[in-house]
Amino acid sequence: MKIKKYKEKYSKKAKKRKSFPEKLNDYSWIITVTILAFFISLLFSFVSELTIPNASSIVATFIIILFIGIGIIFDMIGISVTVADIKTFNSMATKRIKGASLAVKLIHNASRTSSFCNDVIGDICGIISGSAGVALANILSNAFHLNLFITTLFITAIIAAFTIGGKALGKTTAMNRSTYILYQFCKVLSFFYKK
């Protein structure tokens, strides 16, 4: 009976059209996230292009692992925000636990938070690690006289495998430990966040 009432309530809400201010708010978010993606991508690309071509194969590999790691971590945060129970953070916020009120705000804006973490940061890291992999392939082929085409294929395949595998593992972890992950992220973020 409760499920039927919930479905009816949900279907009524879904049928309602968005008002004009809500539509404007959506468009402003799309513009904001596009601009953010441009500048973050520019920054990551700058770091990648500045360091990898002149770096050793070990340093280049470390930078690629770093980008893959950042992508996985932010993917986990994006999942955690959508899965986490707001009641837990509400009770933590009433006890004035550091980062709890910020977690509540992120959960209230879960679609935007997950979009930023998964799509903006996650996708940018994927693109940059791929282009960094091509640069690493150039370094390895020149240093060890390897075939550039085959080296590039293998490195990009390895990067893709580690990224996809890491994100799959990260998603499972985020689903099971969403409260802990979001709390730790918000605790760190609260040092930089001003009300």
Protein backbone atom coordinates (compact mmCIF):
# COMPACT_ATOMS: atom_id res chain seq x y z
CA MET A 1 0.00 0.00 0.00
CA LYS A 2 2.82 2.37 0.92
CA ILE A 3 4.62 1.56 -2.32
CA LYS A 4 1.49 2.39 -4.34
CA LYS A 5 1.11 5.76 -2.58
CA TYR A 6 4.80 6.51 -3.17
CA LYS A 7 4.49 5.66 -6.89
CA GLU A 8 1.44 7.91 -7.25
CA LYS A 9 3.18 10.78 -5.44
CA TYR A 10 6.32 10.33 -7.53
CA SER A 11 4.42 10.19 -10.83
CA LYS A 12 2.56 13.41 -9.97
CA LYS A 13 5.83 15.17 -9.23
CA ALA A 14 7.41 13.84 -12.42
CA LYS A 15 4.51 15.17 -14.51
CA LYS A 16 4.89 18.70 -13.17
CA ARG A 17 6.75 20.94 -15.54
CA LYS A 18 9.68 22.95 -14.31
CA SER A 19 8.99 26.58 -13.65
CA PHE A 20 10.89 29.32 -15.50
CA PRO A 21 13.32 30.11 -12.62
CA GLU A 22 14.16 26.39 -12.24
CA LYS A 23 14.91 26.13 -15.97
CA LEU A 24 17.17 29.20 -15.74
CA ASN A 25 18.90 27.63 -12.76
CA ASP A 26 19.54 24.46 -14.80
CA TYR A 27 20.97 26.48 -17.70
CA SER A 28 23.21 28.49 -15.39
CA TRP A 29 24.53 25.23 -13.87
CA ILE A 30 25.24 23.81 -17.35
CA ILE A 31 27.15 26.98 -18.31
CA THR A 32 29.03 26.98 -14.98
CA VAL A 33 30.03 23.32 -15.22
CA THR A 34 31.15 23.78 -18.86
CA ILE A 35 33.38 26.74 -17.92
CA LEU A 36 34.73 24.82 -14.90
CA ALA A 37 35.48 21.80 -17.10
CA PHE A 38 37.38 24.03 -19.54
CA PHE A 39 39.60 25.61 -16.88
CA ILE A 40 40.23 22.39 -14.92
CA SER A 41 41.07 20.58 -18.16
CA LEU A 42 43.38 23.45 -19.12
CA LEU A 43 45.16 23.23 -15.75
CA PHE A 44 45.52 19.43 -15.86
CA SER A 45 46.70 19.53 -19.50
CA PHE A 46 49.22 22.24 -18.63
CA VAL A 47 50.67 20.13 -15.79
CA SER A 48 50.74 17.05 -18.03
CA GLU A 49 52.37 18.81 -20.98
CA LEU A 50 54.86 20.63 -18.77
CA THR A 51 56.07 17.57 -16.89
CA ILE A 52 55.68 14.41 -19.00
CA PRO A 53 57.58 15.21 -22.27
CA ASN A 54 60.73 16.18 -20.31
CA ALA A 55 60.34 13.55 -17.61
CA SER A 56 61.78 10.07 -17.24
CA SER A 57 59.55 7.06 -17.86
CA ILE A 58 59.23 6.52 -14.07
CA VAL A 59 58.06 10.10 -13.42
CA ALA A 60 55.68 9.95 -16.41
CA THR A 61 54.22 6.67 -15.13
CA PHE A 62 53.75 8.20 -11.66
CA ILE A 63 51.89 11.20 -13.17
CA ILE A 64 49.59 8.88 -15.14
CA ILE A 65 48.88 6.82 -11.99
CA LEU A 66 48.15 10.09 -10.15
CA PHE A 67 45.58 11.16 -12.79
CA ILE A 68 43.97 7.71 -12.77
CA GLY A 69 43.85 7.82 -8.94
CA ILE A 70 42.24 11.28 -8.88
CA GLY A 71 39.61 10.08 -11.37
CA ILE A 72 38.81 7.00 -9.27
CA ILE A 73 38.64 8.97 -5.98
CA PHE A 74 36.28 11.59 -7.41
CA ASP A 75 34.15 8.86 -8.99
CA MET A 76 33.82 7.30 -5.52
CA ILE A 77 32.84 10.68 -4.02
CA GLY A 78 30.25 11.21 -6.76
CA ILE A 79 28.67 7.81 -6.04
CA SER A 80 28.84 8.34 -2.26
CA VAL A 81 26.91 11.61 -2.49
CA THR A 82 24.04 9.95 -4.35
CA VAL A 83 23.90 6.92 -2.03
CA ALA A 84 24.63 8.43 1.42
CA ASP A 85 21.84 8.69 3.98
CA ILE A 86 21.10 12.35 4.78
CA LYS A 87 19.65 11.46 8.21
CA THR A 88 23.08 10.37 9.44
CA PHE A 89 24.65 13.67 8.42
CA ASN A 90 21.72 15.68 9.81
CA SER A 91 22.25 14.12 13.24
CA MET A 92 26.00 14.72 12.93
CA ALA A 93 25.36 18.35 11.97
CA THR A 94 23.21 18.91 15.09
CA LYS A 95 26.20 17.71 17.15
CA ARG A 96 28.35 20.23 15.23
CA ILE A 97 30.68 17.56 13.84
CA LYS A 98 33.11 19.10 11.36
CA GLY A 99 32.11 18.60 7.73
CA ALA A 100 28.63 17.22 8.47
CA SER A 101 26.70 20.37 7.46
CA LEU A 102 28.73 20.51 4.23
CA ALA A 103 27.84 16.87 3.54
CA VAL A 104 24.15 17.75 3.97
CA LYS A 105 24.51 20.54 1.38
CA LEU A 106 26.25 18.18 -1.05
CA ILE A 107 23.54 15.53 -0.63
CA HIS A 108 20.82 18.17 -1.21
CA ASN A 109 22.63 18.99 -4.48
CA ALA A 110 23.53 15.36 -5.23
CA SER A 111 22.88 15.55 -8.98
CA ARG A 112 25.21 18.54 -9.38
CA THR A 113 27.85 17.17 -7.02
CA SER A 114 27.94 13.78 -8.73
CA SER A 115 27.94 15.48 -12.15
CA PHE A 116 30.96 17.56 -11.14
CA CYS A 117 32.85 14.66 -9.53
CA ASN A 118 32.02 11.92 -12.04
CA ASP A 119 31.72 13.85 -15.29
CA VAL A 120 33.96 16.90 -14.91
CA ILE A 121 36.87 15.61 -12.79
CA GLY A 122 36.50 11.92 -13.70
CA ASP A 123 36.27 12.43 -17.46
CA ILE A 124 39.01 15.07 -17.55
CA CYS A 125 41.36 12.73 -15.66
CA GLY A 126 40.52 9.97 -18.14
CA ILE A 127 41.30 12.20 -21.13
CA ILE A 128 44.50 13.60 -19.63
CA SER A 129 45.80 10.18 -18.55
CA GLY A 130 45.16 8.96 -22.10
CA SER A 131 47.12 11.82 -23.68
CA ALA A 132 49.84 11.40 -21.04
CA GLY A 133 49.99 7.73 -22.03
CA VAL A 134 50.76 8.72 -25.62
CA ALA A 135 53.59 10.96 -24.35
CA LEU A 136 54.91 8.05 -22.24
CA ALA A 137 54.78 5.79 -25.30
CA ASN A 138 56.97 8.32 -27.14
CA ILE A 139 59.47 8.36 -24.25
CA LEU A 140 59.64 4.54 -24.10
CA SER A 141 59.88 4.04 -27.86
CA ASN A 142 62.76 6.55 -28.12
CA ALA A 143 64.60 5.20 -25.07
CA PHE A 144 64.30 1.48 -25.88
CA HIS A 145 63.88 1.67 -29.71
CA LEU A 146 60.41 0.16 -29.59
CA ASN A 147 57.72 0.35 -32.24
CA LEU A 148 55.76 3.53 -31.44
CA PHE A 149 52.41 2.20 -32.72
CA ILE A 150 52.52 -1.03 -30.68
CA THR A 151 53.86 0.77 -27.57
CA THR A 152 51.06 3.36 -27.76
CA LEU A 153 48.43 0.61 -28.15
CA PHE A 154 49.69 -1.29 -25.12
CA ILE A 155 50.01 1.76 -22.87
CA THR A 156 46.57 3.17 -23.73
CA ALA A 157 45.05 -0.30 -23.21
CA ILE A 158 46.76 -0.60 -19.80
CA ILE A 159 45.55 2.89 -18.78
CA ALA A 160 41.98 2.08 -19.89
CA ALA A 161 42.03 -1.25 -18.03
CA PHE A 162 43.30 0.28 -14.78
CA THR A 163 40.86 3.20 -15.03
CA ILE A 164 37.82 1.00 -15.68
CA GLY A 165 38.87 -1.65 -13.14
CA GLY A 166 39.67 0.99 -10.53
CA LYS A 167 36.35 2.75 -11.04
CA ALA A 168 34.45 -0.55 -10.83
CA LEU A 169 36.16 -1.35 -7.52
CA GLY A 170 35.65 2.25 -6.36
CA LYS A 171 31.92 2.13 -7.15
CA THR A 172 31.47 -1.03 -5.07
CA THR A 173 33.40 0.52 -2.17
CA ALA A 174 31.43 3.78 -2.45
CA MET A 175 28.11 1.91 -2.38
CA ASN A 176 29.11 0.01 0.77
CA ARG A 177 30.96 2.82 2.60
CA SER A 178 29.24 5.95 1.28
CA THR A 179 28.88 7.64 4.69
CA TYR A 180 32.54 7.20 5.60
CA ILE A 181 33.84 8.35 2.18
CA LEU A 182 31.59 11.42 2.07
CA TYR A 183 32.39 12.33 5.67
CA GLN A 184 36.16 12.12 5.10
CA PHE A 185 35.87 14.19 1.91
CA CYS A 186 33.74 16.85 3.61
CA LYS A 187 36.07 16.95 6.61
CA VAL A 188 38.96 17.84 4.27
CA LEU A 189 36.80 20.18 2.20
CA SER A 190 35.59 22.04 5.30
CA PHE A 191 39.10 23.47 5.79
CA PHE A 192 38.73 25.37 2.49
CA TYR A 193 34.97 26.02 2.65
CA LYS A 194 33.66 29.24 4.15
CA LYS A 195 29.96 29.68 4.99
